Amino acid sequence: MIAKGISTTNSFLALDVTVEEVISKDEEFADIQEYVLYTEGKLDEPKTFQEAWNHPDPEERKKWREAIRKEFHDMIVRKVWRKTNKSSIPSHRGLIGCKWIFKKKKDGRYRARLCALGYSQIPGEDFMDTSSPVVDDVTVRIVIACMMIMGK
């Protein structure tokens, strides 16, 4: 709880109001209810593909299967992988495994994600280099400023 009248220090900023003055009891209770309902919903999320695909509730099973199909469709459209014969993989190399992650979103959507278990890769063997190109904020600002100066 943030107490009233605490002064600021070098490392902390204190408010001159109490939490009760900022948040009404009804709002606080609603937040707690929402949190409990949100965390309760996580208990029935499938942990494996089999649990999702063979869910005992027909409605849930249908929604999980739709989410799985959507994930596969999206991966095919984005060309995430290419089909290959297992025999074409060198014998000293292993396949990278994958894991399904299932989530029920707050808005009621069912999400299925197929995640590669990249931690099983060996640097220099399975991949040579990694990069994650990210534009610096300063660069973006400079480009915008140049465009404004040039009138574009």
C-alpha atoms as a PDB file:
ATOM      1  CA  MET A   1       0.000   0.000   0.000  1.00  0.00           C
ATOM      2  CA  ILE A   2       1.258   3.458  -0.831  1.00  0.00           C
ATOM      3  CA  ALA A   3       0.936   5.651   2.238  1.00  0.00           C
ATOM      4  CA  LYS A   4      -0.122   9.250   2.109  1.00  0.00           C
ATOM      5  CA  GLY A   5       2.520  11.902   2.557  1.00  0.00           C
ATOM      6  CA  ILE A   6       5.684   9.915   1.734  1.00  0.00           C
ATOM      7  CA  SER A   7       8.243  12.127   0.074  1.00  0.00           C
ATOM      8  CA  THR A   8      10.218  11.218  -3.016  1.00  0.00           C
ATOM      9  CA  THR A   9      13.735   9.819  -2.790  1.00  0.00           C
ATOM     10  CA  ASN A  10      16.429   9.176  -5.369  1.00  0.00           C
ATOM     11  CA  SER A  11      15.159   5.710  -6.205  1.00  0.00           C
ATOM     12  CA  PHE A  12      11.447   5.792  -5.406  1.00  0.00           C
ATOM     13  CA  LEU A  13       8.556   8.002  -6.319  1.00  0.00           C
ATOM     14  CA  ALA A  14       5.744   8.014  -3.789  1.00  0.00           C
ATOM     15  CA  LEU A  15       2.283   9.357  -4.371  1.00  0.00           C
ATOM     16  CA  ASP A  16       0.634  11.804  -2.020  1.00  0.00           C
ATOM     17  CA  VAL A  17      -2.579   9.769  -2.081  1.00  0.00           C
ATOM     18  CA  THR A  18      -3.591   6.402  -0.713  1.00  0.00           C
ATOM     19  CA  VAL A  19      -4.566   3.499  -2.926  1.00  0.00           C
ATOM     20  CA  GLU A  20      -8.087   3.675  -1.487  1.00  0.00           C
ATOM     21  CA  GLU A  21      -8.439   7.234  -2.765  1.00  0.00           C
ATOM     22  CA  VAL A  22      -7.439   6.183  -6.268  1.00  0.00           C
ATOM     23  CA  ILE A  23      -9.260   2.872  -6.603  1.00  0.00           C
ATOM     24  CA  SER A  24     -12.787   2.436  -5.351  1.00  0.00           C
ATOM     25  CA  LYS A  25     -13.671  -0.792  -3.581  1.00  0.00           C
ATOM     26  CA  ASP A  26     -16.006  -1.845  -6.415  1.00  0.00           C
ATOM     27  CA  GLU A  27     -13.277  -1.440  -9.044  1.00  0.00           C
ATOM     28  CA  GLU A  28     -10.782  -3.281  -6.858  1.00  0.00           C
ATOM     29  CA  PHE A  29     -13.254  -6.139  -6.345  1.00  0.00           C
ATOM     30  CA  ALA A  30     -13.975  -6.281 -10.079  1.00  0.00           C
ATOM     31  CA  ASP A  31     -10.230  -6.528 -10.788  1.00  0.00           C
ATOM     32  CA  ILE A  32      -9.872  -9.387  -8.296  1.00  0.00           C
ATOM     33  CA  GLN A  33     -12.864 -11.180  -9.807  1.00  0.00           C
ATOM     34  CA  GLU A  34     -11.449 -10.745 -13.304  1.00  0.00           C
ATOM     35  CA  TYR A  35      -8.066 -12.073 -12.177  1.00  0.00           C
ATOM     36  CA  VAL A  36      -9.607 -15.118 -10.469  1.00  0.00           C
ATOM     37  CA  LEU A  37     -11.748 -15.890 -13.511  1.00  0.00           C
ATOM     38  CA  TYR A  38      -8.755 -15.411 -15.813  1.00  0.00           C
ATOM     39  CA  THR A  39      -6.498 -17.715 -13.800  1.00  0.00           C
ATOM     40  CA  GLU A  40      -9.288 -20.254 -13.303  1.00  0.00           C
ATOM     41  CA  GLY A  41      -9.652 -20.512 -17.070  1.00  0.00           C
ATOM     42  CA  LYS A  42      -6.011 -21.548 -17.388  1.00  0.00           C
ATOM     43  CA  LEU A  43      -6.650 -24.739 -15.426  1.00  0.00           C
ATOM     44  CA  ASP A  44      -8.563 -26.326 -18.275  1.00  0.00           C
ATOM     45  CA  GLU A  45      -6.132 -25.431 -21.053  1.00  0.00           C
ATOM     46  CA  PRO A  46      -4.731 -28.564 -22.702  1.00  0.00           C
ATOM     47  CA  LYS A  47      -1.088 -29.351 -22.043  1.00  0.00           C
ATOM     48  CA  THR A  48      -0.580 -31.652 -25.034  1.00  0.00           C
ATOM     49  CA  PHE A  49      -1.813 -32.008 -28.595  1.00  0.00           C
ATOM     50  CA  GLN A  50      -3.686 -35.197 -27.640  1.00  0.00           C
ATOM     51  CA  GLU A  51      -5.530 -33.426 -24.802  1.00  0.00           C
ATOM     52  CA  ALA A  52      -6.669 -30.679 -27.174  1.00  0.00           C
ATOM     53  CA  TRP A  53      -7.541 -32.916 -30.120  1.00  0.00           C
ATOM     54  CA  ASN A  54      -9.455 -35.424 -27.962  1.00  0.00           C
ATOM     55  CA  HIS A  55     -10.993 -32.974 -25.477  1.00  0.00           C
ATOM     56  CA  PRO A  56     -13.952 -34.606 -23.646  1.00  0.00           C
ATOM     57  CA  ASP A  57     -16.266 -31.614 -24.226  1.00  0.00           C
ATOM     58  CA  PRO A  58     -17.405 -31.589 -27.887  1.00  0.00           C
ATOM     59  CA  GLU A  59     -17.638 -27.771 -28.039  1.00  0.00           C
ATOM     60  CA  GLU A  60     -14.167 -27.324 -26.560  1.00  0.00           C
ATOM     61  CA  ARG A  61     -12.771 -30.053 -28.840  1.00  0.00           C
ATOM     62  CA  LYS A  62     -14.226 -28.277 -31.889  1.00  0.00           C
ATOM     63  CA  LYS A  63     -12.691 -24.927 -30.865  1.00  0.00           C
ATOM     64  CA  TRP A  64      -9.269 -26.441 -30.131  1.00  0.00           C
ATOM     65  CA  ARG A  65      -9.280 -28.293 -33.457  1.00  0.00           C
ATOM     66  CA  GLU A  66     -10.159 -25.066 -35.291  1.00  0.00           C
ATOM     67  CA  ALA A  67      -7.264 -23.304 -33.532  1.00  0.00           C
ATOM     68  CA  ILE A  68      -4.866 -26.121 -34.489  1.00  0.00           C
ATOM     69  CA  ARG A  69      -6.009 -26.058 -38.123  1.00  0.00           C
ATOM     70  CA  LYS A  70      -5.633 -22.272 -38.217  1.00  0.00           C
ATOM     71  CA  GLU A  71      -2.063 -22.520 -36.889  1.00  0.00           C
ATOM     72  CA  PHE A  72      -1.170 -25.124 -39.540  1.00  0.00           C
ATOM     73  CA  HIS A  73      -2.797 -23.041 -42.274  1.00  0.00           C
ATOM     74  CA  ASP A  74      -0.942 -19.889 -41.180  1.00  0.00           C
ATOM     75  CA  MET A  75       2.379 -21.761 -41.137  1.00  0.00           C
ATOM     76  CA  ILE A  76       1.796 -23.145 -44.624  1.00  0.00           C
ATOM     77  CA  VAL A  77       0.851 -19.692 -45.972  1.00  0.00           C
ATOM     78  CA  ARG A  78       3.979 -18.151 -44.406  1.00  0.00           C
ATOM     79  CA  LYS A  79       6.160 -21.034 -45.664  1.00  0.00           C
ATOM     80  CA  VAL A  80       7.536 -21.708 -42.181  1.00  0.00           C
ATOM     81  CA  TRP A  81       8.886 -25.092 -43.217  1.00  0.00           C
ATOM     82  CA  ARG A  82       9.413 -27.212 -46.269  1.00  0.00           C
ATOM     83  CA  LYS A  83       8.588 -30.872 -46.659  1.00  0.00           C
ATOM     84  CA  THR A  84      11.561 -33.219 -46.836  1.00  0.00           C
ATOM     85  CA  ASN A  85      12.240 -36.928 -46.584  1.00  0.00           C
ATOM     86  CA  LYS A  86      13.635 -38.156 -43.296  1.00  0.00           C
ATOM     87  CA  SER A  87      16.141 -40.215 -45.288  1.00  0.00           C
ATOM     88  CA  SER A  88      17.690 -37.031 -46.719  1.00  0.00           C
ATOM     89  CA  ILE A  89      18.765 -35.882 -43.231  1.00  0.00           C
ATOM     90  CA  PRO A  90      22.336 -36.943 -42.321  1.00  0.00           C
ATOM     91  CA  SER A  91      22.427 -39.755 -39.759  1.00  0.00           C
ATOM     92  CA  HIS A  92      24.559 -37.740 -37.314  1.00  0.00           C
ATOM     93  CA  ARG A  93      21.933 -34.982 -37.203  1.00  0.00           C
ATOM     94  CA  GLY A  94      18.785 -34.962 -35.154  1.00  0.00           C
ATOM     95  CA  LEU A  95      15.466 -33.378 -35.927  1.00  0.00           C
ATOM     96  CA  ILE A  96      14.358 -30.342 -33.982  1.00  0.00           C
ATOM     97  CA  GLY A  97      11.329 -31.160 -31.898  1.00  0.00           C
ATOM     98  CA  CYS A  98       8.266 -29.033 -31.403  1.00  0.00           C
ATOM     99  CA  LYS A  99       5.652 -28.430 -28.754  1.00  0.00           C
ATOM    100  CA  TRP A 100       2.060 -27.255 -28.881  1.00  0.00           C
ATOM    101  CA  ILE A 101       1.036 -24.393 -26.604  1.00  0.00           C
ATOM    102  CA  PHE A 102      -2.681 -23.858 -26.034  1.00  0.00           C
ATOM    103  CA  LYS A 103      -4.234 -20.698 -24.586  1.00  0.00           C
ATOM    104  CA  LYS A 104      -7.712 -19.357 -24.074  1.00  0.00           C
ATOM    105  CA  LYS A 105      -7.620 -15.623 -24.588  1.00  0.00           C
ATOM    106  CA  LYS A 106      -9.577 -13.164 -22.426  1.00  0.00           C
ATOM    107  CA  ASP A 107     -11.768 -12.310 -25.411  1.00  0.00           C
ATOM    108  CA  GLY A 108     -12.832 -15.959 -25.780  1.00  0.00           C
ATOM    109  CA  ARG A 109     -10.524 -16.921 -28.652  1.00  0.00           C
ATOM    110  CA  TYR A 110      -8.758 -20.260 -28.594  1.00  0.00           C
ATOM    111  CA  ARG A 111      -5.101 -20.066 -29.660  1.00  0.00           C
ATOM    112  CA  ALA A 112      -2.834 -22.940 -30.605  1.00  0.00           C
ATOM    113  CA  ARG A 113       0.846 -22.321 -31.277  1.00  0.00           C
ATOM    114  CA  LEU A 114       3.393 -24.781 -32.597  1.00  0.00           C
ATOM    115  CA  CYS A 115       6.782 -23.869 -31.163  1.00  0.00           C
ATOM    116  CA  ALA A 116      10.132 -25.268 -32.286  1.00  0.00           C
ATOM    117  CA  LEU A 117      12.344 -26.525 -29.481  1.00  0.00           C
ATOM    118  CA  GLY A 118      15.298 -24.461 -30.637  1.00  0.00           C
ATOM    119  CA  TYR A 119      17.331 -25.167 -27.522  1.00  0.00           C
ATOM    120  CA  SER A 120      18.212 -28.545 -29.034  1.00  0.00           C
ATOM    121  CA  GLN A 121      20.112 -26.866 -31.884  1.00  0.00           C
ATOM    122  CA  ILE A 122      23.893 -26.842 -31.927  1.00  0.00           C
ATOM    123  CA  PRO A 123      25.557 -23.537 -32.917  1.00  0.00           C
ATOM    124  CA  GLY A 124      27.821 -23.980 -35.942  1.00  0.00           C
ATOM    125  CA  GLU A 125      26.061 -27.207 -36.912  1.00  0.00           C
ATOM    126  CA  ASP A 126      22.354 -26.441 -37.070  1.00  0.00           C
ATOM    127  CA  PHE A 127      22.834 -22.754 -37.722  1.00  0.00           C
ATOM    128  CA  MET A 128      25.767 -20.488 -38.492  1.00  0.00           C
ATOM    129  CA  ASP A 129      24.539 -17.069 -37.555  1.00  0.00           C
ATOM    130  CA  THR A 130      21.581 -15.448 -35.912  1.00  0.00           C
ATOM    131  CA  SER A 131      20.312 -11.959 -36.372  1.00  0.00           C
ATOM    132  CA  SER A 132      17.305  -9.995 -35.360  1.00  0.00           C
ATOM    133  CA  PRO A 133      17.312  -6.769 -37.319  1.00  0.00           C
ATOM    134  CA  VAL A 134      15.770  -4.010 -35.238  1.00  0.00           C
ATOM    135  CA  VAL A 135      15.645  -0.364 -36.187  1.00  0.00           C
ATOM    136  CA  ASP A 136      16.867   2.010 -33.508  1.00  0.00           C
ATOM    137  CA  ASP A 137      14.382   4.692 -32.388  1.00  0.00           C
ATOM    138  CA  VAL A 138      16.910   7.417 -33.162  1.00  0.00           C
ATOM    139  CA  THR A 139      17.234   6.187 -36.754  1.00  0.00           C
ATOM    140  CA  VAL A 140      13.469   6.302 -37.238  1.00  0.00           C
ATOM    141  CA  ARG A 141      13.323   9.842 -35.850  1.00  0.00           C
ATOM    142  CA  ILE A 142      16.151  10.974 -38.156  1.00  0.00           C
ATOM    143  CA  VAL A 143      14.404   9.510 -41.213  1.00  0.00           C
ATOM    144  CA  ILE A 144      11.120  11.191 -40.251  1.00  0.00           C
ATOM    145  CA  ALA A 145      12.898  14.517 -39.663  1.00  0.00           C
ATOM    146  CA  CYS A 146      14.647  14.275 -43.056  1.00  0.00           C
ATOM    147  CA  MET A 147      11.341  13.528 -44.768  1.00  0.00           C
ATOM    148  CA  MET A 148       9.714  16.533 -43.105  1.00  0.00           C
ATOM    149  CA  ILE A 149      12.596  18.795 -44.125  1.00  0.00           C
ATOM    150  CA  MET A 150      12.395  17.544 -47.718  1.00  0.00           C
ATOM    151  CA  GLY A 151       8.620  18.046 -47.701  1.00  0.00           C
ATOM    152  CA  LYS A 152       7.660  14.438 -48.355  1.00  0.00           C
END
